[in-house]
Protein backbone atom coordinates (compact mmCIF):
# COMPACT_ATOMS: atom_id res chain seq x y z
CA MET A 1 90.61 89.61 75.02
CA THR A 2 90.55 91.83 77.84
CA PHE A 3 87.66 91.82 80.37
CA GLU A 4 86.22 94.95 78.81
CA GLU A 5 86.46 93.37 75.29
CA ALA A 6 84.99 90.06 76.53
CA THR A 7 82.09 91.87 78.24
CA ALA A 8 81.37 93.74 75.20
CA ALA A 9 81.38 90.50 73.06
CA ALA A 10 79.09 88.63 75.63
CA GLY A 11 76.62 91.72 75.44
CA THR A 12 76.63 91.76 71.61
CA SER A 13 75.98 87.95 71.41
CA ASN A 14 73.51 88.21 73.76
CA THR A 15 71.52 90.70 71.91
CA ALA A 16 72.02 88.74 68.92
CA LEU A 17 70.18 85.71 70.52
CA SER A 18 67.13 87.78 70.96
CA ALA A 19 64.38 85.53 72.30
CA ALA A 20 66.49 82.62 72.77
CA ALA A 21 68.26 84.49 75.43
CA ASP A 22 65.56 83.32 77.65
CA ILE A 23 67.11 79.71 77.13
CA ILE A 24 70.81 80.21 76.58
CA ASN A 25 73.27 83.06 77.10
CA TYR A 26 76.90 84.25 76.99
CA ALA A 27 79.13 85.10 79.95
CA VAL A 28 82.65 86.10 80.50
CA PHE A 29 85.40 83.77 82.05
CA ALA A 30 88.89 83.99 82.66
CA ARG A 31 91.42 81.80 81.17
CA TRP A 32 95.36 81.88 81.15
CA THR A 33 97.78 81.54 78.37
CA SER A 34 100.39 79.23 78.04
CA ASN A 35 102.65 81.89 79.55
CA HIS A 36 100.42 82.26 82.39
CA VAL A 37 98.65 85.66 81.30
CA LYS A 38 95.32 86.16 82.44
CA GLN A 39 92.85 86.57 79.48
CA TYR A 40 89.04 86.38 78.96
CA ASP A 41 86.88 84.91 76.70
CA ILE A 42 83.05 84.18 76.65
CA CYS A 43 81.18 80.83 76.67
CA LEU A 44 77.56 79.92 75.97
CA TYR A 45 75.41 77.70 78.48
CA ASN A 46 71.90 77.51 79.73
CA THR A 47 70.42 80.56 81.29
CA GLU A 48 68.95 78.12 84.10
CA TYR A 49 72.56 78.24 85.45
CA ASN A 50 73.12 82.11 85.61
CA VAL A 51 73.34 82.12 89.52
CA GLN A 52 75.77 79.19 89.42
CA PHE A 53 77.84 80.68 86.90
CA GLY A 54 77.99 83.87 88.58
CA ALA A 55 79.23 82.11 91.85
CA ALA A 56 81.59 79.57 90.07
CA THR A 57 85.03 79.37 90.95
CA ASP A 58 87.51 79.97 87.85
CA SER A 59 87.86 76.34 87.36
CA GLN A 60 84.23 75.82 87.41
CA LYS A 61 83.62 78.38 84.85
CA LEU A 62 86.14 76.53 82.94
CA ALA A 63 84.18 73.50 83.11
CA PHE A 64 81.05 75.82 81.66
CA ALA A 65 83.39 76.64 78.85
CA ARG A 66 84.61 73.12 78.22
CA VAL A 67 80.72 71.89 78.11
CA SER A 68 79.95 74.74 75.94
CA ILE A 69 82.52 73.64 73.32
CA GLN A 70 81.52 70.11 73.58
CA THR A 71 77.91 71.00 73.08
CA ILE A 72 78.67 73.43 69.93
CA ALA A 73 80.65 70.83 68.60
CA ILE A 74 77.50 68.43 68.15
CA MET A 75 75.06 71.04 66.94
CA VAL A 76 73.82 70.82 63.50
CA SER A 77 72.33 73.27 61.22
CA GLY A 78 68.82 74.12 62.06
CA ASP A 79 69.19 73.04 65.78
CA ASP A 80 67.70 75.80 68.11
CA ALA A 81 68.32 77.03 71.63
CA ALA A 82 66.27 74.43 73.11
CA THR A 83 68.29 71.78 71.42
CA PHE A 84 71.39 73.29 72.65
CA ALA A 85 70.10 73.57 76.41
CA ALA A 86 69.13 69.91 76.18
CA ASN A 87 72.56 68.88 74.86
CA PHE A 88 74.34 71.14 77.24
CA ASN A 89 72.68 69.05 80.03
CA THR A 90 73.69 65.97 78.52
CA LYS A 91 77.40 67.11 78.33
CA ALA A 92 77.19 68.66 81.54
CA ALA A 93 75.99 65.61 83.58
CA ALA A 94 79.09 63.73 81.79
CA ASP A 95 81.69 66.09 82.91
CA ALA A 96 83.03 65.27 86.45
CA GLU A 97 83.48 68.88 87.57
CA LEU A 98 80.58 70.59 86.22
CA ALA A 99 78.27 67.83 87.18
CA ALA A 100 79.29 67.80 90.74
CA TYR A 101 78.85 71.51 91.05
CA LEU A 102 75.56 71.65 89.30
CA GLY A 103 74.18 68.64 91.18
CA LEU A 104 73.56 66.58 87.96
């Protein structure tokens, strides 16, 4: 996606979260294709880390995305935003780069 497309997707996804956006939210991060073309995507993470996500390097944002994917993978039907947030923290603490960055 382009930066503009990813920004729009994050906005639409955050609107869909409704009240859960106080706990979790989507943000844009850069990634590179196998041909080293810069593209953008979105990831879901805990709102408590908004400041850290905004200040993160590209590598640290990729760590957020990596942990987001791992967290989504263990979610089951009926899990809520609070469950995602708790699982995200558990997975983040197990990720060497993100744990070091967030001080977990």
